[in-house]
Amino acid sequence: MIDSPVTQLLNSNNIPFELVEIPLSEDKKPIRHLEELLQAEGRDPHSVVRSLLFKTPSDEFVLLAVAGGGRVNWGTLRKHLGERKLRMAEFDEVEDATHYVVGAVPPIALPSSVRVVVDDSVLGFEKVIIGSGILGYALSLSGVNLLSLLSDADQGTFVKE
């Protein structure tokens, strides 16, 4: 078992989860074909909730939680946030803003300074897979339980198929 702010949050809320090991490459990066690994384990590869971090011109960070392979609808997201411009966070900004390394960022257990927005794509899965906060591991849990932890987050359609 691993110990991270994510697993601590889940345990403190009595939310059951399953650890998913993600092999790392020789250079200690997550494998590129996570979907293939999940499919081989009998898991839905589209159920991975990606945590995409954006930075606003006013130096605020916004994390978009999105499942599946849709692409961000920049216009819709900017409009929802009330921002004329928005950019993806730089590699080194991700850890500074979220306290997690790229490849392990969860949509929960984040600093209060990070605004979380949830795409409707997350709603369609009984089980979802999220970052654990520790590189090389993910967590599988009930989609309903994840959404209960994200109840304060804005929700809408922010990706296009």
Protein backbone atom coordinates (compact mmCIF):
# COMPACT_ATOMS: atom_id res chain seq x y z
CA MET A 1 0.00 0.00 0.00
CA ILE A 2 1.12 3.57 -0.60
CA ASP A 3 0.65 6.66 1.53
CA SER A 4 -0.10 10.02 -0.06
CA PRO A 5 -2.46 12.94 0.57
CA VAL A 6 -4.79 11.28 -1.93
CA THR A 7 -4.96 7.93 -0.14
CA GLN A 8 -5.25 9.76 3.20
CA LEU A 9 -8.23 11.74 1.88
CA LEU A 10 -9.91 8.61 0.56
CA ASN A 11 -9.30 6.70 3.81
CA SER A 12 -10.55 9.58 5.98
CA ASN A 13 -13.78 9.58 3.94
CA ASN A 14 -14.10 5.78 4.10
CA ILE A 15 -13.88 5.56 0.31
CA PRO A 16 -12.60 2.19 -0.88
CA PHE A 17 -10.01 2.17 -3.66
CA GLU A 18 -7.73 -0.25 -5.44
CA LEU A 19 -4.07 0.37 -6.17
CA VAL A 20 -3.08 0.17 -9.85
CA GLU A 21 0.64 -0.26 -10.49
CA ILE A 22 1.95 1.58 -13.52
CA PRO A 23 5.34 0.37 -14.69
CA LEU A 24 7.93 3.09 -15.18
CA SER A 25 10.32 3.26 -18.12
CA GLU A 26 14.07 3.07 -17.61
CA ASP A 27 14.19 6.86 -17.26
CA LYS A 28 11.57 6.73 -14.46
CA LYS A 29 8.67 8.04 -16.53
CA PRO A 30 5.20 6.44 -16.72
CA ILE A 31 4.73 4.07 -19.61
CA ARG A 32 3.26 5.62 -22.72
CA HIS A 33 0.66 2.92 -23.28
CA LEU A 34 -1.31 3.07 -20.04
CA GLU A 35 -4.54 2.34 -21.89
CA GLU A 36 -3.14 -0.96 -23.23
CA LEU A 37 -2.03 -1.98 -19.74
CA LEU A 38 -5.44 -1.20 -18.28
CA GLN A 39 -7.24 -3.08 -21.04
CA ALA A 40 -5.03 -6.12 -20.43
CA GLU A 41 -6.11 -5.97 -16.76
CA GLY A 42 -9.79 -5.86 -17.76
CA ARG A 43 -10.19 -2.17 -16.95
CA ASP A 44 -11.84 0.43 -19.18
CA PRO A 45 -8.99 2.53 -20.62
CA HIS A 46 -11.38 5.46 -21.13
CA SER A 47 -12.06 5.62 -17.39
CA VAL A 48 -8.72 7.31 -16.68
CA VAL A 49 -9.40 10.78 -15.30
CA ARG A 50 -6.67 13.03 -16.62
CA SER A 51 -5.73 16.10 -14.57
CA LEU A 52 -4.91 18.92 -16.99
CA LEU A 53 -3.44 22.03 -15.39
CA PHE A 54 -3.89 25.49 -16.89
CA LYS A 55 -2.60 28.90 -15.90
CA THR A 56 -4.57 32.11 -16.26
CA PRO A 57 -3.06 35.52 -17.06
CA SER A 58 -3.65 36.45 -13.41
CA ASP A 59 -1.34 33.57 -12.35
CA GLU A 60 -4.13 31.35 -11.06
CA PHE A 61 -4.08 27.62 -11.72
CA VAL A 62 -7.11 25.66 -12.91
CA LEU A 63 -7.18 21.87 -13.05
CA LEU A 64 -9.55 20.26 -15.53
CA ALA A 65 -10.52 16.68 -14.63
CA VAL A 66 -11.49 14.86 -17.83
CA ALA A 67 -12.05 11.20 -18.69
CA GLY A 68 -11.49 9.54 -22.03
CA GLY A 69 -9.59 10.98 -24.94
CA GLY A 70 -11.47 14.18 -25.73
CA ARG A 71 -9.64 17.39 -26.53
CA VAL A 72 -10.10 20.57 -24.55
CA ASN A 73 -12.59 23.02 -26.01
CA TRP A 74 -10.51 26.11 -25.30
CA GLY A 75 -13.29 28.57 -26.10
CA THR A 76 -15.78 26.93 -23.76
CA LEU A 77 -13.25 26.60 -20.94
CA ARG A 78 -12.07 30.22 -21.28
CA LYS A 79 -15.64 31.47 -21.34
CA HIS A 80 -16.59 29.43 -18.27
CA LEU A 81 -13.57 30.73 -16.37
CA GLY A 82 -14.13 34.30 -17.54
CA GLU A 83 -10.65 34.44 -19.03
CA ARG A 84 -9.67 35.78 -22.45
CA LYS A 85 -6.43 33.80 -22.43
CA LEU A 86 -5.45 30.50 -20.91
CA ARG A 87 -2.42 28.28 -21.34
CA MET A 88 -1.28 24.84 -20.30
CA ALA A 89 0.95 24.97 -17.22
CA GLU A 90 4.65 24.46 -17.85
CA PHE A 91 6.24 21.21 -16.66
CA ASP A 92 7.92 22.81 -13.62
CA GLU A 93 4.80 24.81 -12.74
CA VAL A 94 2.77 21.61 -12.26
CA GLU A 95 4.65 20.43 -9.19
CA ASP A 96 4.89 23.96 -7.75
CA ALA A 97 1.13 24.48 -8.07
CA THR A 98 -0.20 21.00 -7.21
CA HIS A 99 2.59 19.53 -5.04
CA TYR A 100 2.57 16.45 -7.30
CA VAL A 101 4.84 15.43 -10.17
CA VAL A 102 3.63 15.23 -13.76
CA GLY A 103 2.16 11.77 -14.30
CA ALA A 104 0.79 11.44 -10.76
CA VAL A 105 -1.46 14.51 -10.40
CA PRO A 106 -4.89 13.66 -8.96
CA PRO A 107 -8.06 15.75 -9.29
CA ILE A 108 -8.44 15.70 -5.47
CA ALA A 109 -6.24 16.47 -2.43
CA LEU A 110 -4.94 19.61 -4.09
CA PRO A 111 -3.92 22.93 -2.54
CA SER A 112 -6.89 25.28 -2.11
CA SER A 113 -5.23 27.71 -4.53
CA VAL A 114 -5.93 25.31 -7.44
CA ARG A 115 -9.43 25.70 -8.87
CA VAL A 116 -10.90 22.39 -10.04
CA VAL A 117 -13.27 22.05 -12.99
CA VAL A 118 -14.83 18.67 -13.83
CA ASP A 119 -15.80 17.71 -17.36
CA ASP A 120 -19.06 15.82 -17.82
CA SER A 121 -17.05 12.93 -19.32
CA VAL A 122 -16.18 11.86 -15.76
CA LEU A 123 -19.87 11.15 -15.06
CA GLY A 124 -20.11 8.19 -17.41
CA PHE A 125 -18.02 5.66 -15.49
CA GLU A 126 -18.89 3.33 -12.65
CA LYS A 127 -15.17 3.03 -11.83
CA VAL A 128 -12.55 5.69 -12.56
CA ILE A 129 -8.78 5.71 -12.35
CA ILE A 130 -7.02 8.77 -10.93
CA GLY A 131 -3.49 9.80 -10.10
CA SER A 132 -2.37 8.63 -6.68
CA GLY A 133 0.06 11.44 -6.03
CA ILE A 134 2.95 8.99 -6.36
CA LEU A 135 4.58 8.24 -9.69
CA GLY A 136 4.13 4.61 -10.72
CA TYR A 137 0.73 4.19 -9.05
CA ALA A 138 -2.86 5.11 -9.81
CA LEU A 139 -6.05 4.49 -7.88
CA SER A 140 -9.28 2.88 -9.04
CA LEU A 141 -12.42 3.98 -7.22
CA SER A 142 -16.12 4.51 -7.69
CA GLY A 143 -16.96 7.40 -10.00
CA VAL A 144 -19.77 8.42 -7.63
CA ASN A 145 -17.30 8.57 -4.73
CA LEU A 146 -14.87 10.68 -6.75
CA LEU A 147 -17.64 13.08 -7.70
CA SER A 148 -18.71 13.35 -4.06
CA LEU A 149 -15.20 14.63 -3.26
CA LEU A 150 -15.46 17.07 -6.19
CA SER A 151 -18.90 18.40 -5.25
CA ASP A 152 -17.55 21.95 -4.85
CA ALA A 153 -15.92 21.93 -8.29
CA ASP A 154 -17.52 23.51 -11.34
CA GLN A 155 -18.96 20.96 -13.72
CA GLY A 156 -19.75 21.19 -17.44
CA THR A 157 -18.77 20.13 -20.92
CA PHE A 158 -15.25 21.39 -21.58
CA VAL A 159 -13.97 18.90 -24.16
CA LYS A 160 -14.88 18.04 -27.71
CA GLU A 161 -14.91 14.48 -28.98
